[in-house]
Amino acid sequence: MILSMKPPYDITSEILRLISSISTKLGEVNANFLHRPAPNLRKQNRIKTIQSSLQIEGNTLTVEQITAIVEKKKIIGPEKDITEVLNAIKLYENLSHYNPHSKKSFLEAHKTLMNRLVENPGKFRTKGVGIVQGNNVAHIAPPSSNVDHLMSELFDYLKKDRDLTLIKSCVFHYEMEFIHPFIDGNGRMGRFWQTLILLQDYPVFEFLPFETLISQNQQEYYQALIKSDQTGKSTIFIEYMLKIIDDALTELLNFRIRNLSNLDRLDHFKSLGIDSFTRKDYIDVFKNLSTSTASRDLLLGIERGLLTKAGDKNQSRYKFS
């Protein structure tokens, strides 16, 4: 298969259904300010993303071990696994540094991600590669002499095509895996770059660990890639990834607000930058919160010195100290 300026795929009824579902849920996320999680939740989600993406590639470190590394604590574990985590932390901490439309930026990201793990990180492969599953060769990548040209065309598609960002992110992920531009690190780069593409339009994806759902059933992920290879189109993989994104958003909407502690809620509300607010304003953000729970949150904020209060009863207004 030779990659053209417009990578081949079909728009199916399932793709249309998933895009509609995702769009509705993204609207709910924005309405509930869930695209701006509190700092502690942001940290937890980033750790989940790193752990899940690396686990897919065989990394053995747990969420607890990665948390310790983030907190600059020493842990006992395989040196390679620790290096992978340190590289991934650096990569995700500098998300805003990378341009999703730039091949140069793409290579810089690979250099960071695979530093001290492969020879010549940040450079395209110079030899042929195949992907083996069990005893079978699942995929033979294009010749190394074609890689630079194919990746240039793929980035041209990202920059110039008017496809929806949701679709382009999936197409890029699949086509990059098909080209297999690096000796190692292709899977984690595909997932990272899809996140980066989605971030152009949807801030929530910086903290939405959809890799967790992929890692829970890796076989489906690989089967979607293989089936798309067999058909010569990315359609099946697009359907798969949109379903993963839709499920991740469902989990976010179902559990995020419900699982916040009172201090989490106060921390989250503070991050919104609202100067002065009432209890009703507070409940408007946490829509499932009862008035009594909201009152307890605000009282705790005052007791902890986080809030100051002016007025009484329904006229009360609050400010963060």
Protein backbone atom coordinates (compact mmCIF):
# COMPACT_ATOMS: atom_id res chain seq x y z
CA MET A 1 0.00 0.00 0.00
CA ILE A 2 1.37 3.42 -0.96
CA LEU A 3 0.13 6.21 1.28
CA SER A 4 -1.55 9.00 -0.68
CA MET A 5 -2.23 12.54 0.44
CA LYS A 6 -5.65 11.34 1.61
CA PRO A 7 -5.25 8.07 3.53
CA PRO A 8 -8.05 5.64 2.63
CA TYR A 9 -10.97 5.00 4.96
CA ASP A 10 -14.78 4.81 4.79
CA ILE A 11 -17.32 6.75 6.82
CA THR A 12 -19.58 4.09 8.33
CA SER A 13 -22.80 4.43 10.31
CA GLU A 14 -20.83 3.34 13.39
CA ILE A 15 -18.29 6.13 12.90
CA LEU A 16 -21.12 8.67 12.55
CA ARG A 17 -22.84 7.33 15.66
CA LEU A 18 -19.62 7.50 17.70
CA ILE A 19 -18.76 11.02 16.55
CA SER A 20 -22.24 12.16 17.56
CA SER A 21 -21.92 10.47 20.97
CA ILE A 22 -18.41 11.88 21.56
CA SER A 23 -19.51 15.39 20.54
CA THR A 24 -22.43 15.29 22.98
CA LYS A 25 -20.18 14.11 25.81
CA LEU A 26 -17.54 16.74 25.04
CA GLY A 27 -20.28 19.35 25.40
CA GLU A 28 -21.16 17.91 28.82
CA VAL A 29 -17.48 17.92 29.80
CA ASN A 30 -17.18 21.61 28.92
CA ALA A 31 -20.45 22.48 30.65
CA ASN A 32 -19.22 20.85 33.85
CA PHE A 33 -15.71 22.32 33.61
CA LEU A 34 -14.28 18.78 33.60
CA HIS A 35 -11.74 19.81 30.97
CA ARG A 36 -9.90 21.67 33.74
CA PRO A 37 -9.38 19.11 36.50
CA ALA A 38 -8.00 20.04 39.89
CA PRO A 39 -4.19 19.78 40.12
CA ASN A 40 -4.20 16.53 42.12
CA LEU A 41 -6.58 14.88 39.62
CA ARG A 42 -4.48 16.19 36.76
CA LYS A 43 -1.46 14.50 38.30
CA GLN A 44 -3.32 11.21 38.87
CA ASN A 45 -4.62 11.12 35.30
CA ARG A 46 -1.20 11.89 33.85
CA ILE A 47 0.29 9.01 35.85
CA LYS A 48 -2.48 6.66 34.63
CA THR A 49 -1.78 7.70 31.04
CA ILE A 50 1.95 7.02 31.37
CA GLN A 51 1.48 3.71 33.20
CA SER A 52 -1.10 2.40 30.72
CA SER A 53 0.74 3.43 27.57
CA LEU A 54 3.99 1.86 28.78
CA GLN A 55 2.25 -1.25 30.12
CA ILE A 56 0.98 -1.95 26.60
CA GLU A 57 4.64 -2.12 25.56
CA GLY A 58 5.60 -4.45 28.42
CA ASN A 59 6.63 -2.04 31.17
CA THR A 60 6.13 -3.64 34.60
CA LEU A 61 5.98 -0.59 36.89
CA THR A 62 2.76 0.03 38.81
CA VAL A 63 0.82 3.25 39.26
CA GLU A 64 2.24 3.46 42.80
CA GLN A 65 5.82 3.11 41.57
CA ILE A 66 5.32 5.71 38.85
CA THR A 67 3.75 8.05 41.41
CA ALA A 68 6.88 7.66 43.54
CA ILE A 69 9.09 8.50 40.54
CA VAL A 70 7.00 11.61 39.81
CA GLU A 71 7.50 12.62 43.45
CA LYS A 72 11.29 12.21 43.03
CA LYS A 73 11.44 9.14 45.26
CA LYS A 74 13.70 6.18 44.58
CA ILE A 75 12.13 2.86 43.68
CA ILE A 76 13.37 -0.67 42.99
CA GLY A 77 12.63 -1.88 39.49
CA PRO A 78 14.17 -2.79 36.12
CA GLU A 79 16.47 0.01 34.93
CA LYS A 80 14.90 -0.02 31.45
CA ASP A 81 11.39 0.33 32.87
CA ILE A 82 12.44 3.24 35.09
CA THR A 83 14.13 4.97 32.14
CA GLU A 84 10.94 4.55 30.06
CA VAL A 85 8.90 6.19 32.81
CA LEU A 86 11.35 9.08 33.30
CA ASN A 87 11.32 9.75 29.55
CA ALA A 88 7.52 9.60 29.36
CA ILE A 89 7.16 11.98 32.32
CA LYS A 90 9.42 14.49 30.58
CA LEU A 91 7.47 14.09 27.33
CA TYR A 92 4.01 14.59 28.84
CA GLU A 93 5.17 17.46 31.05
CA ASN A 94 6.17 19.32 27.89
CA LEU A 95 3.06 18.67 25.80
CA SER A 96 2.75 22.31 24.79
CA HIS A 97 6.27 22.24 23.34
CA TYR A 98 5.25 19.91 20.49
CA ASN A 99 3.51 20.95 17.28
CA PRO A 100 1.14 18.19 16.06
CA HIS A 101 1.64 19.29 12.43
CA SER A 102 5.44 19.23 12.50
CA LYS A 103 7.55 16.25 11.46
CA LYS A 104 10.52 17.89 13.16
CA SER A 105 8.56 18.13 16.41
CA PHE A 106 7.53 14.49 16.00
CA LEU A 107 11.18 13.44 15.81
CA GLU A 108 12.04 15.58 18.85
CA ALA A 109 9.30 13.82 20.82
CA HIS A 110 10.66 10.40 19.86
CA LYS A 111 14.15 11.51 20.91
CA THR A 112 12.82 12.40 24.36
CA LEU A 113 10.65 9.30 24.68
CA MET A 114 13.35 6.82 23.62
CA ASN A 115 16.43 8.52 25.07
CA ARG A 116 18.92 5.88 26.35
CA LEU A 117 16.59 3.11 25.13
CA VAL A 118 17.53 2.82 21.43
CA GLU A 119 20.37 3.85 19.18
CA ASN A 120 19.77 7.16 17.40
CA PRO A 121 16.49 8.17 19.08
CA GLY A 122 14.65 10.85 17.13
CA LYS A 123 15.69 9.44 13.75
CA PHE A 124 13.70 7.36 11.29
CA ARG A 125 14.76 3.73 10.86
CA THR A 126 17.28 2.82 8.21
CA LYS A 127 16.40 -0.87 7.86
CA GLY A 128 13.36 -3.03 7.25
CA VAL A 129 11.08 -4.15 10.08
CA GLY A 130 8.24 -6.61 10.54
CA ILE A 131 5.77 -7.13 13.36
CA VAL A 132 5.49 -10.69 14.66
CA GLN A 133 2.51 -11.96 16.67
CA GLY A 134 3.04 -15.44 18.03
CA ASN A 135 4.58 -17.46 15.22
CA ASN A 136 3.13 -15.28 12.47
CA VAL A 137 4.37 -12.14 10.76
CA ALA A 138 1.44 -9.75 11.26
CA HIS A 139 2.84 -6.83 9.31
CA ILE A 140 5.76 -5.95 7.04
CA ALA A 141 6.42 -2.21 7.18
CA PRO A 142 7.28 -0.21 4.04
CA PRO A 143 10.99 -0.07 3.07
CA SER A 144 13.08 2.32 5.15
CA SER A 145 13.88 4.36 2.03
CA ASN A 146 10.17 5.33 1.84
CA VAL A 147 9.69 6.31 5.47
CA ASP A 148 10.63 9.99 5.30
CA HIS A 149 8.44 10.60 2.25
CA LEU A 150 5.49 8.69 3.71
CA MET A 151 5.68 10.59 6.99
CA SER A 152 5.90 13.91 5.12
CA GLU A 153 2.70 13.03 3.25
CA LEU A 154 1.01 12.03 6.51
CA PHE A 155 1.88 15.37 8.09
CA ASP A 156 0.63 17.15 4.96
CA TYR A 157 -2.70 15.36 5.46
CA LEU A 158 -2.80 16.54 9.07
CA LYS A 159 -2.09 20.15 8.11
CA LYS A 160 -4.22 20.51 4.98
CA ASP A 161 -7.14 18.10 5.05
CA ARG A 162 -10.51 19.26 6.35
CA ASP A 163 -11.42 15.99 8.05
CA LEU A 164 -12.75 16.27 11.59
CA THR A 165 -9.96 16.35 14.18
CA LEU A 166 -11.44 13.24 15.82
CA ILE A 167 -11.05 11.30 12.56
CA LYS A 168 -7.66 12.75 11.65
CA SER A 169 -6.24 11.74 15.03
CA CYS A 170 -7.29 8.12 14.45
CA VAL A 171 -6.10 8.10 10.83
CA PHE A 172 -2.69 9.45 11.85
CA HIS A 173 -2.39 6.88 14.63
CA TYR A 174 -3.14 3.99 12.26
CA GLU A 175 -1.06 5.22 9.31
CA MET A 176 1.93 5.93 11.54
CA GLU A 177 1.70 2.40 12.92
CA PHE A 178 1.49 1.08 9.35
CA ILE A 179 4.58 3.03 8.26
CA HIS A 180 6.36 2.02 11.50
CA PRO A 181 8.90 4.84 11.14
CA PHE A 182 11.08 3.82 14.09
CA ILE A 183 12.84 0.65 15.16
CA ASP A 184 11.12 0.94 18.54
CA GLY A 185 8.64 3.27 20.25
CA ASN A 186 6.05 3.35 17.46
CA GLY A 187 3.09 2.32 19.61
CA ARG A 188 3.67 4.84 22.37
CA MET A 189 4.40 7.57 19.80
CA GLY A 190 1.14 6.78 17.98
CA ARG A 191 -0.89 7.12 21.17
CA PHE A 192 0.98 10.25 22.29
CA TRP A 193 0.59 11.96 18.93
CA GLN A 194 -3.11 11.16 18.75
CA THR A 195 -3.48 12.89 22.12
CA LEU A 196 -1.54 15.88 20.80
CA ILE A 197 -3.75 16.13 17.69
CA LEU A 198 -6.94 15.95 19.77
CA LEU A 199 -5.63 18.69 22.08
CA GLN A 200 -5.91 21.19 19.23
CA ASP A 201 -9.68 21.29 19.74
CA TYR A 202 -10.37 19.51 23.02
CA PRO A 203 -8.36 20.43 26.15
CA VAL A 204 -9.80 17.49 28.10
CA PHE A 205 -7.56 15.05 26.20
CA GLU A 206 -4.50 16.31 28.03
CA PHE A 207 -5.85 14.57 31.12
CA LEU A 208 -8.12 11.85 29.70
CA PRO A 209 -6.24 8.54 30.09
CA PHE A 210 -7.90 6.62 27.25
CA GLU A 211 -4.75 4.47 27.11
CA THR A 212 -6.07 2.79 30.27
CA LEU A 213 -8.96 1.30 28.29
CA ILE A 214 -6.58 0.16 25.54
CA SER A 215 -4.31 -1.53 28.07
CA GLN A 216 -7.25 -3.41 29.61
CA ASN A 217 -7.73 -5.32 26.35
CA GLN A 218 -4.63 -4.96 24.25
CA GLN A 219 -5.66 -7.76 21.91
CA GLU A 220 -8.53 -5.67 20.54
CA TYR A 221 -6.09 -2.84 19.84
CA TYR A 222 -3.75 -5.09 17.87
CA GLN A 223 -6.64 -6.81 16.09
CA ALA A 224 -8.01 -3.45 14.93
CA LEU A 225 -4.58 -2.61 13.48
CA ILE A 226 -4.26 -6.02 11.78
CA LYS A 227 -7.79 -5.97 10.33
CA SER A 228 -7.22 -2.48 8.94
CA ASP A 229 -3.98 -3.73 7.35
CA GLN A 230 -5.90 -6.58 5.73
CA THR A 231 -8.54 -4.27 4.26
CA GLY A 232 -6.04 -1.60 3.17
CA LYS A 233 -8.08 1.07 4.98
CA SER A 234 -8.05 2.52 8.49
CA THR A 235 -11.86 2.24 8.88
CA ILE A 236 -11.84 -0.55 11.47
CA PHE A 237 -9.15 1.16 13.52
CA ILE A 238 -11.06 4.48 13.42
CA GLU A 239 -14.15 2.71 14.76
CA TYR A 240 -12.08 1.05 17.48
CA MET A 241 -10.35 4.26 18.64
CA LEU A 242 -13.55 6.33 18.57
CA LYS A 243 -15.19 3.66 20.76
CA ILE A 244 -12.26 3.88 23.19
CA ILE A 245 -12.55 7.69 23.32
CA ASP A 246 -16.33 7.49 23.77
CA ASP A 247 -15.97 4.99 26.63
CA ALA A 248 -13.27 7.13 28.30
CA LEU A 249 -15.54 10.19 28.19
CA THR A 250 -18.40 8.13 29.61
CA GLU A 251 -16.21 7.09 32.55
CA LEU A 252 -15.15 10.69 33.09
CA LEU A 253 -18.75 11.93 33.18
CA ASN A 254 -19.97 9.05 35.36
CA PHE A 255 -17.27 9.10 38.00
CA ARG A 256 -15.25 12.31 38.04
CA ILE A 257 -17.54 14.63 39.96
CA ARG A 258 -18.94 11.81 42.10
CA ASN A 259 -15.48 10.76 43.25
CA LEU A 260 -14.18 14.18 44.22
CA SER A 261 -13.53 14.81 47.90
CA ASN A 262 -14.58 18.13 49.42
CA LEU A 263 -11.01 19.44 49.17
CA ASP A 264 -10.81 18.20 45.57
CA ARG A 265 -13.94 20.18 44.75
CA LEU A 266 -12.59 23.32 46.39
CA ASP A 267 -9.28 22.87 44.58
CA HIS A 268 -11.08 22.39 41.28
CA PHE A 269 -13.33 25.42 41.79
CA LYS A 270 -10.33 27.58 42.68
CA SER A 271 -8.63 26.56 39.41
CA LEU A 272 -11.53 28.13 37.47
CA GLY A 273 -10.35 31.59 38.54
CA ILE A 274 -13.77 32.87 39.67
CA ASP A 275 -13.14 35.96 41.80
CA SER A 276 -16.27 36.06 43.96
CA PHE A 277 -19.08 33.51 44.09
CA THR A 278 -22.19 32.29 45.89
CA ARG A 279 -23.18 28.81 46.99
CA LYS A 280 -25.41 28.64 43.90
CA ASP A 281 -22.39 29.41 41.68
CA TYR A 282 -20.56 26.56 43.40
CA ILE A 283 -23.44 24.13 42.80
CA ASP A 284 -23.69 25.22 39.15
CA VAL A 285 -20.22 23.73 38.64
CA PHE A 286 -20.89 20.56 40.68
CA LYS A 287 -24.39 19.94 39.40
CA ASN A 288 -25.09 16.74 41.34
CA LEU A 289 -24.13 18.31 44.67
CA SER A 290 -26.82 18.91 47.32
CA THR A 291 -27.08 22.32 48.96
CA SER A 292 -26.11 20.83 52.33
CA THR A 293 -22.95 19.23 50.89
CA ALA A 294 -22.06 22.48 49.13
CA SER A 295 -22.48 24.35 52.43
CA ARG A 296 -20.21 21.86 54.20
CA ASP A 297 -17.56 22.30 51.47
CA LEU A 298 -17.63 26.07 51.84
CA LEU A 299 -17.54 25.89 55.64
CA LEU A 300 -14.51 23.58 55.43
CA GLY A 301 -12.86 26.07 53.08
CA ILE A 302 -13.37 28.83 55.64
CA GLU A 303 -12.12 26.66 58.52
CA ARG A 304 -8.99 25.74 56.54
CA GLY A 305 -8.31 29.37 55.70
CA LEU A 306 -8.90 28.74 51.99
CA LEU A 307 -11.98 30.99 51.74
CA THR A 308 -13.24 34.24 53.16
CA LYS A 309 -16.96 34.98 53.48
CA ALA A 310 -18.94 38.20 53.29
CA GLY A 311 -22.69 38.52 53.95
CA ASP A 312 -25.10 36.10 55.56
CA LYS A 313 -27.35 33.24 54.51
CA ASN A 314 -28.47 33.53 50.86
CA GLN A 315 -26.53 36.76 50.46
CA SER A 316 -23.21 35.15 51.38
CA ARG A 317 -20.35 35.54 48.89
CA TYR A 318 -17.05 33.72 49.02
CA LYS A 319 -13.52 34.46 47.85
CA PHE A 320 -10.42 32.33 47.88
CA SER A 321 -7.73 33.66 50.19
